């Protein structure tokens, strides 16, 4: 079973995404900030990370930079989510977004068939 790390300082978003993705066969770990997410990712590397960009303690860009500095996490796919449009060199979803569109992108990045 593939593991997805969801990082968002809004607990409701993490809970909704966790329930949705678990229904679609994924193991989901939720973190409320970038520092905690980095620790969890180092301890148990996920197959993919979905991160909010605007968070306290460590924002999404700092998290992504920190992940890329860890050899075991360097190639883990990352999807960014934010209420504010960003010009990033990675998949991006602007809040609010469709969980089904996010699922399609997750499957694409994990090279899984889209059911």
Protein backbone atom coordinates (compact mmCIF):
# COMPACT_ATOMS: atom_id res chain seq x y z
CA UNK A 1 0.00 0.00 0.00
CA UNK A 2 1.37 3.39 -1.01
CA UNK A 3 1.79 6.08 1.64
CA UNK A 4 0.86 9.72 1.12
CA UNK A 5 1.93 12.46 3.54
CA UNK A 6 -0.59 15.32 3.75
CA UNK A 7 0.76 18.57 5.21
CA UNK A 8 -1.70 21.33 6.01
CA UNK A 9 -2.14 23.58 9.04
CA UNK A 10 -5.92 23.41 8.59
CA UNK A 11 -6.91 20.15 10.36
CA UNK A 12 -10.20 19.88 8.42
CA UNK A 13 -8.38 19.71 5.09
CA UNK A 14 -6.04 17.01 6.33
CA UNK A 15 -8.92 14.97 7.74
CA UNK A 16 -11.02 15.22 4.57
CA UNK A 17 -8.09 14.32 2.30
CA UNK A 18 -7.11 11.47 4.60
CA UNK A 19 -10.60 9.95 4.53
CA UNK A 20 -10.90 10.41 0.75
CA UNK A 21 -7.50 8.93 -0.08
CA UNK A 22 -7.90 6.03 2.34
CA UNK A 23 -11.15 5.16 0.55
CA UNK A 24 -9.06 4.93 -2.62
CA UNK A 25 -6.55 2.51 -1.14
CA UNK A 26 -3.77 4.72 0.21
CA UNK A 27 -2.19 4.83 3.63
CA UNK A 28 -2.27 8.47 4.72
CA UNK A 29 -0.20 10.29 7.31
CA UNK A 30 -1.25 13.83 8.25
CA UNK A 31 0.96 16.59 9.59
CA UNK A 32 -0.07 20.10 10.66
CA UNK A 33 3.22 21.86 9.92
CA UNK A 34 6.37 21.57 7.84
CA UNK A 35 8.74 20.69 10.69
CA UNK A 36 6.60 17.78 11.82
CA UNK A 37 6.16 16.67 8.20
CA UNK A 38 9.91 16.66 7.62
CA UNK A 39 10.45 14.55 10.74
CA UNK A 40 7.74 12.09 9.71
CA UNK A 41 9.10 11.88 6.15
CA UNK A 42 12.64 11.15 7.38
CA UNK A 43 11.40 8.48 9.82
CA UNK A 44 9.11 6.77 7.27
CA UNK A 45 9.62 8.03 3.71
CA UNK A 46 6.25 8.44 1.94
CA UNK A 47 5.62 7.64 -1.70
CA UNK A 48 4.18 11.12 -2.31
CA UNK A 49 3.66 14.37 -0.39
CA UNK A 50 0.79 16.86 -0.70
CA UNK A 51 1.71 20.10 1.06
CA UNK A 52 0.08 23.42 1.74
CA UNK A 53 2.38 26.31 0.88
CA UNK A 54 1.33 28.79 3.58
CA UNK A 55 1.94 27.36 7.06
CA UNK A 56 3.50 28.55 10.31
CA UNK A 57 6.85 27.24 11.60
CA UNK A 58 8.00 25.97 8.18
CA UNK A 59 6.15 26.88 5.00
CA UNK A 60 5.78 24.67 1.96
CA UNK A 61 8.79 26.06 0.10
CA UNK A 62 11.04 25.54 3.12
CA UNK A 63 9.68 22.02 3.50
CA UNK A 64 10.32 21.19 -0.16
CA UNK A 65 13.88 22.58 0.06
CA UNK A 66 14.49 20.53 3.22
CA UNK A 67 13.10 17.37 1.61
CA UNK A 68 15.34 17.83 -1.43
CA UNK A 69 18.38 18.05 0.89
CA UNK A 70 17.72 14.52 2.22
CA UNK A 71 18.96 11.92 -0.31
CA UNK A 72 16.25 9.37 0.57
CA UNK A 73 13.52 12.01 -0.01
CA UNK A 74 15.00 13.91 -2.95
CA UNK A 75 12.87 12.14 -5.56
CA UNK A 76 9.60 11.86 -3.64
CA UNK A 77 6.91 13.56 -5.76
CA UNK A 78 5.38 16.68 -4.20
CA UNK A 79 2.05 18.32 -4.98
CA UNK A 80 1.56 21.87 -3.72
CA UNK A 81 -1.78 23.28 -2.58
CA UNK A 82 -2.55 26.86 -1.60
CA UNK A 83 -5.29 29.44 -1.50
CA UNK A 84 -2.91 31.81 -3.30
CA UNK A 85 -1.84 31.14 -6.88
CA UNK A 86 1.82 30.15 -7.11
CA UNK A 87 4.24 29.79 -10.00
CA UNK A 88 6.00 26.59 -9.03
CA UNK A 89 7.93 23.93 -10.89
CA UNK A 90 5.71 21.16 -9.52
CA UNK A 91 2.05 20.18 -9.64
CA UNK A 92 -0.13 22.81 -8.00
CA UNK A 93 -3.77 22.93 -6.91
CA UNK A 94 -5.44 26.14 -5.82
CA UNK A 95 -7.83 25.85 -2.88
CA UNK A 96 -10.63 24.97 -3.11
CA UNK A 97 -9.87 22.05 -5.45
CA UNK A 98 -11.54 18.84 -6.50
CA UNK A 99 -10.28 15.81 -4.53
CA UNK A 100 -10.93 13.74 -7.67
CA UNK A 101 -8.57 15.95 -9.71
CA UNK A 102 -5.99 15.60 -6.94
CA UNK A 103 -6.45 11.81 -7.01
CA UNK A 104 -5.88 11.80 -10.77
CA UNK A 105 -2.61 13.72 -10.31
CA UNK A 106 -1.50 11.43 -7.47
CA UNK A 107 -2.09 8.38 -9.65
CA UNK A 108 -0.20 10.02 -12.54
CA UNK A 109 2.81 10.82 -10.36
CA UNK A 110 2.82 7.33 -8.85
CA UNK A 111 2.47 5.76 -12.31
CA UNK A 112 -0.80 4.06 -11.38
CA UNK A 113 -3.78 3.47 -13.64
CA UNK A 114 -6.59 6.00 -13.36
CA UNK A 115 -9.73 4.02 -12.59
